[in-house]
C-alpha atoms as a PDB file:
ATOM      1  CA  MET A   1     106.786 106.165  99.143  1.00  0.00           C
ATOM      2  CA  VAL A   2     104.589 107.964 101.670  1.00  0.00           C
ATOM      3  CA  GLU A   3     104.548 106.231 105.046  1.00  0.00           C
ATOM      4  CA  ILE A   4     100.986 106.134 106.385  1.00  0.00           C
ATOM      5  CA  GLU A   5     100.669 105.925 110.162  1.00  0.00           C
ATOM      6  CA  GLN A   6      97.520 103.844 110.467  1.00  0.00           C
ATOM      7  CA  ASN A   7      97.532 103.489 114.288  1.00  0.00           C
ATOM      8  CA  PHE A   8      97.076 107.136 115.260  1.00  0.00           C
ATOM      9  CA  SER A   9      93.274 106.999 115.719  1.00  0.00           C
ATOM     10  CA  ARG A  10      93.502 103.530 117.189  1.00  0.00           C
ATOM     11  CA  GLY A  11      95.956 104.822 119.783  1.00  0.00           C
ATOM     12  CA  VAL A  12      93.513 107.551 120.788  1.00  0.00           C
ATOM     13  CA  LEU A  13      90.732 104.982 121.216  1.00  0.00           C
ATOM     14  CA  VAL A  14      92.958 102.765 123.346  1.00  0.00           C
ATOM     15  CA  ARG A  15      93.858 105.790 125.468  1.00  0.00           C
ATOM     16  CA  LEU A  16      90.165 106.590 125.893  1.00  0.00           C
ATOM     17  CA  VAL A  17      89.391 103.062 127.104  1.00  0.00           C
ATOM     18  CA  VAL A  18      92.291 103.199 129.562  1.00  0.00           C
ATOM     19  CA  VAL A  19      91.211 106.578 130.975  1.00  0.00           C
ATOM     20  CA  LEU A  20      87.583 105.501 131.375  1.00  0.00           C
ATOM     21  CA  THR A  21      88.723 102.321 133.106  1.00  0.00           C
ATOM     22  CA  LEU A  22      90.866 104.320 135.537  1.00  0.00           C
ATOM     23  CA  VAL A  23      87.989 106.712 136.237  1.00  0.00           C
ATOM     24  CA  ALA A  24      85.668 103.789 136.945  1.00  0.00           C
ATOM     25  CA  ALA A  25      88.265 102.312 139.295  1.00  0.00           C
ATOM     26  CA  VAL A  26      88.644 105.630 141.157  1.00  0.00           C
ATOM     27  CA  LEU A  27      84.870 105.948 141.498  1.00  0.00           C
ATOM     28  CA  ALA A  28      84.647 102.403 142.819  1.00  0.00           C
ATOM     29  CA  LEU A  29      87.309 103.156 145.444  1.00  0.00           C
ATOM     30  CA  ASN A  30      85.544 106.353 146.564  1.00  0.00           C
ATOM     31  CA  THR A  31      81.952 105.219 146.854  1.00  0.00           C
ATOM     32  CA  GLY A  32      81.632 106.761 150.320  1.00  0.00           C
ATOM     33  CA  PHE A  33      82.576 110.237 149.121  1.00  0.00           C
ATOM     34  CA  ILE A  34      80.273 109.920 146.104  1.00  0.00           C
ATOM     35  CA  THR A  35      77.420 108.851 148.357  1.00  0.00           C
ATOM     36  CA  ASN A  36      77.931 111.814 150.679  1.00  0.00           C
ATOM     37  CA  VAL A  37      78.139 114.350 147.878  1.00  0.00           C
ATOM     38  CA  TYR A  38      75.534 113.011 145.460  1.00  0.00           C
ATOM     39  CA  MET A  39      73.030 111.050 147.555  1.00  0.00           C
ATOM     40  CA  ARG A  40      72.709 112.533 151.019  1.00  0.00           C
ATOM     41  CA  ASN A  41      70.880 115.726 151.930  1.00  0.00           C
ATOM     42  CA  GLN A  42      69.070 115.739 148.585  1.00  0.00           C
ATOM     43  CA  LEU A  43      65.737 117.366 149.415  1.00  0.00           C
ATOM     44  CA  THR A  44      64.864 117.797 145.699  1.00  0.00           C
ATOM     45  CA  PHE A  45      65.716 116.058 142.435  1.00  0.00           C
ATOM     46  CA  THR A  46      67.580 119.120 141.166  1.00  0.00           C
ATOM     47  CA  GLY A  47      71.037 117.647 141.714  1.00  0.00           C
ATOM     48  CA  TRP A  48      70.153 114.327 140.118  1.00  0.00           C
ATOM     49  CA  ILE A  49      68.574 116.018 137.120  1.00  0.00           C
ATOM     50  CA  ILE A  50      71.480 118.412 136.504  1.00  0.00           C
ATOM     51  CA  ASN A  51      74.205 115.807 137.114  1.00  0.00           C
ATOM     52  CA  GLY A  52      72.310 113.323 134.973  1.00  0.00           C
ATOM     53  CA  GLY A  53      72.089 115.890 132.195  1.00  0.00           C
ATOM     54  CA  ILE A  54      75.813 116.589 132.425  1.00  0.00           C
ATOM     55  CA  LEU A  55      76.646 112.877 132.299  1.00  0.00           C
ATOM     56  CA  ALA A  56      74.222 112.281 129.417  1.00  0.00           C
ATOM     57  CA  LEU A  57      75.761 115.137 127.432  1.00  0.00           C
ATOM     58  CA  PHE A  58      79.250 113.841 128.246  1.00  0.00           C
ATOM     59  CA  LEU A  59      78.447 110.286 127.161  1.00  0.00           C
ATOM     60  CA  LEU A  60      76.675 111.474 124.004  1.00  0.00           C
ATOM     61  CA  GLY A  61      79.676 113.525 122.919  1.00  0.00           C
ATOM     62  CA  LEU A  62      82.063 110.727 123.859  1.00  0.00           C
ATOM     63  CA  ALA A  63      80.090 108.217 121.809  1.00  0.00           C
ATOM     64  CA  ARG A  64      80.268 110.539 118.810  1.00  0.00           C
ATOM     65  CA  ILE A  65      84.026 110.906 119.298  1.00  0.00           C
ATOM     66  CA  VAL A  66      84.410 107.125 119.309  1.00  0.00           C
ATOM     67  CA  LEU A  67      82.406 106.787 116.078  1.00  0.00           C
ATOM     68  CA  VAL A  68      84.446 109.473 114.314  1.00  0.00           C
ATOM     69  CA  LEU A  69      87.729 107.959 115.518  1.00  0.00           C
ATOM     70  CA  ARG A  70      86.671 104.566 114.187  1.00  0.00           C
ATOM     71  CA  ARG A  71      85.908 106.171 110.839  1.00  0.00           C
ATOM     72  CA  TYR A  72      89.345 107.768 110.747  1.00  0.00           C
ATOM     73  CA  MET A  73      90.870 104.382 111.563  1.00  0.00           C
ATOM     74  CA  GLU A  74      89.270 103.084 108.367  1.00  0.00           C
ATOM     75  CA  GLU A  75      90.501 106.146 106.478  1.00  0.00           C
ATOM     76  CA  GLU A  76      94.073 105.458 107.579  1.00  0.00           C
ATOM     77  CA  ARG A  77      93.808 101.837 106.438  1.00  0.00           C
ATOM     78  CA  ALA A  78      92.336 102.914 103.096  1.00  0.00           C
ATOM     79  CA  LEU A  79      95.184 105.399 102.615  1.00  0.00           C
ATOM     80  CA  ASN A  80      97.756 102.721 103.336  1.00  0.00           C
ATOM     81  CA  ARG A  81      96.189 100.301 100.836  1.00  0.00           C
ATOM     82  CA  PHE A  82      95.866 103.041  98.223  1.00  0.00           C
ATOM     83  CA  VAL A  83      99.534 104.053  98.467  1.00  0.00           C
ATOM     84  CA  ARG A  84     100.652 100.424  98.201  1.00  0.00           C
ATOM     85  CA  ALA A  85      98.512 100.002  95.087  1.00  0.00           C
ATOM     86  CA  LEU A  86     100.059 103.137  93.574  1.00  0.00           C
ATOM     87  CA  VAL A  87     103.575 101.914  94.285  1.00  0.00           C
ATOM     88  CA  ASP A  88     102.713  98.541  92.718  1.00  0.00           C
ATOM     89  CA  ASP A  89     101.414 100.390  89.588  1.00  0.00           C
ATOM     90  CA  GLN A  90      97.979  98.814  89.763  1.00  0.00           C
ATOM     91  CA  PRO A  91      95.594 100.117  87.070  1.00  0.00           C
ATOM     92  CA  ASN A  92      92.913 101.032  89.615  1.00  0.00           C
ATOM     93  CA  PRO A  93      94.486 101.781  93.019  1.00  0.00           C
ATOM     94  CA  ALA A  94      91.060 102.531  94.529  1.00  0.00           C
ATOM     95  CA  ALA A  95      89.744  99.030  93.780  1.00  0.00           C
ATOM     96  CA  GLY A  96      88.330  97.402  96.900  1.00  0.00           C
ATOM     97  CA  LEU A  97      88.174 100.641  98.880  1.00  0.00           C
ATOM     98  CA  HIS A  98      84.972 102.129 100.232  1.00  0.00           C
ATOM     99  CA  PRO A  99      83.593 104.620  97.681  1.00  0.00           C
ATOM    100  CA  GLY A 100      82.928 107.139 100.442  1.00  0.00           C
ATOM    101  CA  SER A 101      86.489 107.215 101.780  1.00  0.00           C
ATOM    102  CA  LEU A 102      88.449 110.449 101.510  1.00  0.00           C
ATOM    103  CA  ILE A 103      91.219 109.091  99.307  1.00  0.00           C
ATOM    104  CA  THR A 104      88.751 107.397  96.937  1.00  0.00           C
ATOM    105  CA  TYR A 105      86.778 110.615  96.587  1.00  0.00           C
ATOM    106  CA  ARG A 106      89.988 112.592  95.965  1.00  0.00           C
ATOM    107  CA  TYR A 107      91.230 110.033  93.419  1.00  0.00           C
ATOM    108  CA  GLN A 108      87.941 110.026  91.507  1.00  0.00           C
ATOM    109  CA  ALA A 109      87.824 113.847  91.483  1.00  0.00           C
ATOM    110  CA  ILE A 110      91.354 114.172  90.097  1.00  0.00           C
ATOM    111  CA  LEU A 111      90.756 111.367  87.597  1.00  0.00           C
ATOM    112  CA  THR A 112      87.606 113.084  86.324  1.00  0.00           C
ATOM    113  CA  LEU A 113      89.421 116.401  85.921  1.00  0.00           C
ATOM    114  CA  SER A 114      92.279 114.655  84.151  1.00  0.00           C
ATOM    115  CA  ARG A 115      89.955 112.945  81.677  1.00  0.00           C
ATOM    116  CA  ASP A 116      88.320 116.285  80.906  1.00  0.00           C
ATOM    117  CA  ASN A 117      91.761 117.908  80.509  1.00  0.00           C
ATOM    118  CA  ALA A 118      90.808 120.400  83.206  1.00  0.00           C
ATOM    119  CA  PRO A 119      93.332 121.933  85.623  1.00  0.00           C
ATOM    120  CA  VAL A 120      93.406 120.466  89.124  1.00  0.00           C
ATOM    121  CA  ASN A 121      92.919 123.087  91.820  1.00  0.00           C
ATOM    122  CA  HIS A 122      94.500 121.371  94.801  1.00  0.00           C
ATOM    123  CA  ALA A 123      93.575 124.142  97.239  1.00  0.00           C
ATOM    124  CA  ALA A 124      89.902 124.000  96.228  1.00  0.00           C
ATOM    125  CA  LEU A 125      89.803 120.216  96.686  1.00  0.00           C
ATOM    126  CA  ALA A 126      91.370 120.513 100.132  1.00  0.00           C
ATOM    127  CA  SER A 127      88.942 123.255 101.190  1.00  0.00           C
ATOM    128  CA  ALA A 128      85.952 121.214 100.022  1.00  0.00           C
ATOM    129  CA  GLN A 129      87.214 118.227 101.994  1.00  0.00           C
ATOM    130  CA  VAL A 130      87.592 120.277 105.180  1.00  0.00           C
ATOM    131  CA  ALA A 131      84.086 121.695 104.721  1.00  0.00           C
ATOM    132  CA  ARG A 132      82.576 118.229 104.303  1.00  0.00           C
ATOM    133  CA  GLU A 133      84.411 116.704 107.227  1.00  0.00           C
ATOM    134  CA  SER A 134      83.707 119.583 109.607  1.00  0.00           C
ATOM    135  CA  THR A 135      80.117 118.354 109.936  1.00  0.00           C
ATOM    136  CA  LEU A 136      81.376 115.123 111.518  1.00  0.00           C
ATOM    137  CA  ILE A 137      82.707 116.889 114.599  1.00  0.00           C
ATOM    138  CA  SER A 138      80.000 119.520 114.936  1.00  0.00           C
ATOM    139  CA  LEU A 139      78.299 117.608 117.783  1.00  0.00           C
ATOM    140  CA  PRO A 140      81.565 116.961 119.702  1.00  0.00           C
ATOM    141  CA  LYS A 141      82.461 120.611 119.234  1.00  0.00           C
ATOM    142  CA  PHE A 142      79.065 121.710 120.559  1.00  0.00           C
ATOM    143  CA  VAL A 143      79.391 119.440 123.592  1.00  0.00           C
ATOM    144  CA  ASN A 144      82.907 120.700 124.256  1.00  0.00           C
ATOM    145  CA  ASN A 145      81.679 124.306 124.203  1.00  0.00           C
ATOM    146  CA  ILE A 146      78.707 123.879 126.532  1.00  0.00           C
ATOM    147  CA  LEU A 147      79.836 121.102 128.870  1.00  0.00           C
ATOM    148  CA  ILE A 148      81.534 123.439 131.323  1.00  0.00           C
ATOM    149  CA  LEU A 149      78.550 125.808 131.089  1.00  0.00           C
ATOM    150  CA  THR A 150      76.268 123.043 132.371  1.00  0.00           C
ATOM    151  CA  GLY A 151      78.312 123.014 135.578  1.00  0.00           C
ATOM    152  CA  VAL A 152      77.948 126.772 135.842  1.00  0.00           C
ATOM    153  CA  PHE A 153      74.224 126.410 135.243  1.00  0.00           C
ATOM    154  CA  GLY A 154      73.979 123.746 137.952  1.00  0.00           C
ATOM    155  CA  THR A 155      75.924 125.921 140.353  1.00  0.00           C
ATOM    156  CA  ILE A 156      73.651 128.908 139.721  1.00  0.00           C
ATOM    157  CA  VAL A 157      70.497 126.829 140.194  1.00  0.00           C
ATOM    158  CA  SER A 158      71.878 125.250 143.357  1.00  0.00           C
ATOM    159  CA  LEU A 159      72.899 128.597 144.806  1.00  0.00           C
ATOM    160  CA  SER A 160      69.430 129.884 144.024  1.00  0.00           C
ATOM    161  CA  ILE A 161      67.990 127.011 146.059  1.00  0.00           C
ATOM    162  CA  ALA A 162      70.404 127.808 148.890  1.00  0.00           C
ATOM    163  CA  LEU A 163      69.436 131.486 148.771  1.00  0.00           C
ATOM    164  CA  VAL A 164      65.759 130.542 148.973  1.00  0.00           C
ATOM    165  CA  GLY A 165      66.513 128.487 152.076  1.00  0.00           C
ATOM    166  CA  ALA A 166      68.576 131.299 153.551  1.00  0.00           C
ATOM    167  CA  SER A 167      65.803 133.815 152.941  1.00  0.00           C
ATOM    168  CA  ASN A 168      63.354 131.515 154.712  1.00  0.00           C
ATOM    169  CA  VAL A 169      65.727 131.275 157.672  1.00  0.00           C
ATOM    170  CA  LEU A 170      66.052 135.025 157.845  1.00  0.00           C
ATOM    171  CA  GLY A 171      62.355 135.675 157.330  1.00  0.00           C
ATOM    172  CA  ALA A 172      60.972 132.989 159.627  1.00  0.00           C
ATOM    173  CA  PRO A 173      63.475 131.860 162.280  1.00  0.00           C
ATOM    174  CA  GLN A 174      60.936 129.337 163.589  1.00  0.00           C
ATOM    175  CA  GLN A 175      61.250 127.433 160.317  1.00  0.00           C
ATOM    176  CA  GLY A 176      65.022 127.263 160.725  1.00  0.00           C
ATOM    177  CA  PRO A 177      65.671 123.489 160.576  1.00  0.00           C
ATOM    178  CA  GLY A 178      63.796 122.954 157.300  1.00  0.00           C
ATOM    179  CA  SER A 179      65.193 126.083 155.725  1.00  0.00           C
ATOM    180  CA  MET A 180      68.718 125.236 156.843  1.00  0.00           C
ATOM    181  CA  GLY A 181      68.288 121.853 155.244  1.00  0.00           C
ATOM    182  CA  MET A 182      67.404 123.621 152.006  1.00  0.00           C
ATOM    183  CA  VAL A 183      70.562 125.738 152.316  1.00  0.00           C
ATOM    184  CA  ILE A 184      72.707 122.658 152.857  1.00  0.00           C
ATOM    185  CA  HIS A 185      70.961 120.888 149.990  1.00  0.00           C
ATOM    186  CA  GLY A 186      71.656 123.842 147.661  1.00  0.00           C
ATOM    187  CA  MET A 187      75.323 124.016 148.623  1.00  0.00           C
ATOM    188  CA  SER A 188      75.697 120.257 148.227  1.00  0.00           C
ATOM    189  CA  THR A 189      74.050 120.339 144.813  1.00  0.00           C
ATOM    190  CA  ALA A 190      76.304 123.217 143.724  1.00  0.00           C
ATOM    191  CA  LEU A 191      79.361 121.230 144.815  1.00  0.00           C
ATOM    192  CA  SER A 192      78.241 118.037 143.074  1.00  0.00           C
ATOM    193  CA  THR A 193      77.335 119.709 139.767  1.00  0.00           C
ATOM    194  CA  THR A 194      80.605 121.654 139.741  1.00  0.00           C
ATOM    195  CA  ILE A 195      82.661 118.517 140.377  1.00  0.00           C
ATOM    196  CA  THR A 196      80.762 116.557 137.730  1.00  0.00           C
ATOM    197  CA  ALA A 197      81.105 119.265 135.102  1.00  0.00           C
ATOM    198  CA  ILE A 198      84.821 119.849 135.756  1.00  0.00           C
ATOM    199  CA  VAL A 199      85.748 116.153 135.683  1.00  0.00           C
ATOM    200  CA  CYS A 200      83.674 115.505 132.561  1.00  0.00           C
ATOM    201  CA  TYR A 201      85.072 118.587 130.845  1.00  0.00           C
ATOM    202  CA  LEU A 202      88.679 117.644 131.598  1.00  0.00           C
ATOM    203  CA  ILE A 203      88.258 114.156 130.153  1.00  0.00           C
ATOM    204  CA  TYR A 204      86.085 115.232 127.254  1.00  0.00           C
ATOM    205  CA  GLY A 205      88.226 118.266 126.362  1.00  0.00           C
ATOM    206  CA  TYR A 206      91.365 116.155 126.104  1.00  0.00           C
ATOM    207  CA  PHE A 207      89.809 113.581 123.806  1.00  0.00           C
ATOM    208  CA  TYR A 208      88.118 116.254 121.723  1.00  0.00           C
ATOM    209  CA  LEU A 209      91.564 117.733 121.091  1.00  0.00           C
ATOM    210  CA  LYS A 210      92.871 114.267 120.178  1.00  0.00           C
ATOM    211  CA  LEU A 211      89.923 113.888 117.785  1.00  0.00           C
ATOM    212  CA  THR A 212      90.908 117.093 116.001  1.00  0.00           C
ATOM    213  CA  ASP A 213      94.507 115.814 115.928  1.00  0.00           C
ATOM    214  CA  ALA A 214      93.329 112.579 114.306  1.00  0.00           C
ATOM    215  CA  GLN A 215      91.327 114.531 111.734  1.00  0.00           C
ATOM    216  CA  THR A 216      94.295 116.778 110.971  1.00  0.00           C
ATOM    217  CA  HIS A 217      96.521 113.713 110.672  1.00  0.00           C
ATOM    218  CA  VAL A 218      94.208 112.081 108.106  1.00  0.00           C
ATOM    219  CA  PHE A 219      93.850 115.340 106.150  1.00  0.00           C
ATOM    220  CA  SER A 220      97.620 115.828 106.010  1.00  0.00           C
ATOM    221  CA  GLN A 221      98.116 112.261 104.755  1.00  0.00           C
ATOM    222  CA  VAL A 222      95.499 112.731 102.026  1.00  0.00           C
ATOM    223  CA  GLU A 223      97.123 115.989 100.891  1.00  0.00           C
ATOM    224  CA  GLU A 224     100.576 114.393 100.938  1.00  0.00           C
ATOM    225  CA  VAL A 225      99.430 111.467  98.791  1.00  0.00           C
ATOM    226  CA  THR A 226      97.713 113.917  96.439  1.00  0.00           C
ATOM    227  CA  THR A 227     100.822 116.076  96.113  1.00  0.00           C
ATOM    228  CA  LEU A 228     103.383 113.286  95.734  1.00  0.00           C
ATOM    229  CA  HIS A 229     101.411 110.729  93.729  1.00  0.00           C
ATOM    230  CA  LEU A 230      98.109 111.851  92.219  1.00  0.00           C
ATOM    231  CA  ILE A 231      98.937 115.296  90.847  1.00  0.00           C
ATOM    232  CA  PRO A 232     102.180 114.220  89.117  1.00  0.00           C
ATOM    233  CA  ARG A 233     100.324 111.321  87.456  1.00  0.00           C
ATOM    234  CA  TYR A 234      96.990 112.798  86.512  1.00  0.00           C
ATOM    235  CA  ALA A 235      96.992 116.581  86.899  1.00  0.00           C
ATOM    236  CA  HIS A 236      97.107 119.058  84.007  1.00  0.00           C
ATOM    237  CA  THR A 237      98.276 122.407  85.323  1.00  0.00           C
ATOM    238  CA  PRO A 238     100.057 125.340  83.645  1.00  0.00           C
ATOM    239  CA  GLU A 239     103.107 124.627  85.777  1.00  0.00           C
ATOM    240  CA  ASP A 240     103.007 121.010  84.629  1.00  0.00           C
ATOM    241  CA  LEU A 241     102.805 122.084  81.008  1.00  0.00           C
ATOM    242  CA  VAL A 242     105.745 124.470  81.401  1.00  0.00           C
ATOM    243  CA  GLN A 243     107.823 121.760  83.047  1.00  0.00           C
ATOM    244  CA  ARG A 244     106.995 119.239  80.326  1.00  0.00           C
ATOM    245  CA  VAL A 245     107.790 121.736  77.538  1.00  0.00           C
ATOM    246  CA  THR A 246     111.053 122.610  79.286  1.00  0.00           C
ATOM    247  CA  ALA A 247     111.962 118.932  79.550  1.00  0.00           C
ATOM    248  CA  LEU A 248     111.048 118.447  75.880  1.00  0.00           C
ATOM    249  CA  VAL A 249     113.193 121.399  74.788  1.00  0.00           C
ATOM    250  CA  LYS A 250     116.104 120.057  76.818  1.00  0.00           C
ATOM    251  CA  GLY A 251     115.662 116.655  75.215  1.00  0.00           C
ATOM    252  CA  LEU A 252     115.543 118.170  71.749  1.00  0.00           C
ATOM    253  CA  SER A 253     118.682 120.194  72.465  1.00  0.00           C
ATOM    254  CA  GLN A 254     120.498 117.051  73.536  1.00  0.00           C
ATOM    255  CA  VAL A 255     119.326 115.203  70.410  1.00  0.00           C
ATOM    256  CA  THR A 256     120.448 118.142  68.230  1.00  0.00           C
ATOM    257  CA  GLU A 257     123.897 118.134  69.816  1.00  0.00           C
ATOM    258  CA  MET A 258     124.135 114.395  69.295  1.00  0.00           C
ATOM    259  CA  MET A 259     123.115 114.787  65.642  1.00  0.00           C
ATOM    260  CA  ARG A 260     125.714 117.527  65.144  1.00  0.00           C
ATOM    261  CA  ALA A 261     128.388 115.360  66.686  1.00  0.00           C
ATOM    262  CA  ALA A 262     127.318 112.427  64.504  1.00  0.00           C
ATOM    263  CA  GLN A 263     127.414 114.648  61.394  1.00  0.00           C
ATOM    264  CA  THR A 264     130.892 115.868  62.269  1.00  0.00           C
ATOM    265  CA  ASP A 265     132.067 112.314  62.829  1.00  0.00           C
ATOM    266  CA  SER A 266     130.480 111.261  59.523  1.00  0.00           C
ATOM    267  CA  ALA A 267     132.291 114.049  57.658  1.00  0.00           C
ATOM    268  CA  GLU A 268     135.592 113.036  59.220  1.00  0.00           C
ATOM    269  CA  VAL A 269     135.024 109.384  58.288  1.00  0.00           C
ATOM    270  CA  SER A 270     134.142 110.406  54.731  1.00  0.00           C
ATOM    271  CA  ASN A 271     137.297 112.458  54.402  1.00  0.00           C
ATOM    272  CA  ARG A 272     139.375 109.603  55.739  1.00  0.00           C
ATOM    273  CA  LEU A 273     137.675 107.191  53.320  1.00  0.00           C
ATOM    274  CA  HIS A 274     138.438 109.463  50.363  1.00  0.00           C
ATOM    275  CA  GLY A 275     142.046 109.667  51.479  1.00  0.00           C
ATOM    276  CA  LEU A 276     142.272 105.905  51.777  1.00  0.00           C
ATOM    277  CA  ILE A 277     140.827 105.439  48.281  1.00  0.00           C
ATOM    278  CA  ALA A 278     143.250 107.956  46.802  1.00  0.00           C
ATOM    279  CA  ASP A 279     146.149 106.284  48.580  1.00  0.00           C
ATOM    280  CA  LEU A 280     144.974 102.880  47.356  1.00  0.00           C
ATOM    281  CA  ASN A 281     144.783 104.166  43.814  1.00  0.00           C
ATOM    282  CA  GLN A 282     148.290 105.527  44.044  1.00  0.00           C
ATOM    283  CA  ARG A 283     149.573 102.199  45.309  1.00  0.00           C
ATOM    284  CA  THR A 284     147.755 100.063  42.727  1.00  0.00           C
ATOM    285  CA  GLU A 285     148.888 102.079  39.645  1.00  0.00           C
ATOM    286  CA  PRO A 286     152.484 100.661  39.690  1.00  0.00           C
ATOM    287  CA  MET A 287     151.001  97.192  39.992  1.00  0.00           C
ATOM    288  CA  TYR A 288     149.166  97.655  36.691  1.00  0.00           C
ATOM    289  CA  GLU A 289     152.465  98.527  34.963  1.00  0.00           C
ATOM    290  CA  ASP A 290     154.188  95.479  36.499  1.00  0.00           C
ATOM    291  CA  LEU A 291     151.338  93.255  35.324  1.00  0.00           C
ATOM    292  CA  GLU A 292     151.732  94.539  31.760  1.00  0.00           C
ATOM    293  CA  ILE A 293     155.459  93.778  31.841  1.00  0.00           C
ATOM    294  CA  ILE A 294     154.792  90.278  33.153  1.00  0.00           C
ATOM    295  CA  LYS A 295     152.202  89.673  30.460  1.00  0.00           C
ATOM    296  CA  LYS A 296     154.659  90.821  27.783  1.00  0.00           C
ATOM    297  CA  ILE A 297     157.411  88.559  29.129  1.00  0.00           C
ATOM    298  CA  LEU A 298     155.018  85.606  29.183  1.00  0.00           C
ATOM    299  CA  ARG A 299     153.994  86.203  25.591  1.00  0.00           C
ATOM    300  CA  GLU A 300     157.578  86.403  24.446  1.00  0.00           C
ATOM    301  CA  GLY A 301     158.550  83.356  26.456  1.00  0.00           C
ATOM    302  CA  PHE A 302     155.727  81.187  25.251  1.00  0.00           C
ATOM    303  CA  ARG A 303     155.723  82.903  21.829  1.00  0.00           C
ATOM    304  CA  LEU A 304     152.104  83.862  22.155  1.00  0.00           C
ATOM    305  CA  PRO A 305     150.491  86.208  19.692  1.00  0.00           C
ATOM    306  CA  GLU A 306     150.192  89.821  20.591  1.00  0.00           C
ATOM    307  CA  SER A 307     146.432  89.952  20.214  1.00  0.00           C
ATOM    308  CA  ASP A 308     144.908  87.296  22.390  1.00  0.00           C
ATOM    309  CA  SER A 309     141.219  87.047  21.808  1.00  0.00           C
ATOM    310  CA  HIS A 310     140.722  84.108  24.216  1.00  0.00           C
END
């Protein structure tokens, strides 16, 4: 029986909740630093807009990861129920399962091919499954690829603001205080966007990798159930046919040897029976002669006639 680990995706979700809770606790303990970096010396809304965009992108991708992980939790439960039904020899192991689950789709595909006496191409089924499921993580993959670039973008924009302030300082020294404020604002915004992007990318990158691990785990379980249970029961492949013919030939050879042995034993029994009959005949012939003598003595003793018709 295939052992289905149905807590893999659930463990990733629990880990995500724990990490987010710890991050919230750290932010709550460092409100002064966050205020200095993100709130003070903000002459424009550039920092808020860029940091808000980074956080929005991070939360959007994280929400999609949570949804996909919850789906794979259901897939693991469906796999576990399906394997138990197979082991219990239920007529329809997919009964009660969601028709859109991976194992139900695989079971129906193999069952259809089996009814049509068509060969089951396991590799093609696996490739089609990977192609379908790859669309589920396209958004998390996109976010993972561009999240760190948003920090770079924020840094470039912020440095541009700082350079504008620096050029004003160099071009018009009398406007130094305002221009220096713009330089400080640009450097502060560059620092804040870089910190936000790096922290978000570290957290998001880890859980994106765990999402791909959960997907790989579910795929491997589906392929294992297909290989160990579904294909031996329902598939019609040339290799299957060769194996069945080989097993049939072996069975016929064994039956032939048994029939030959039975025929030999039957011949030996027949020979022994003939010998016993011949021996019995030899032993009973003297008895016939003795019976004739006894009959003759009885006739003479009782003076019976020679020809007794009674």
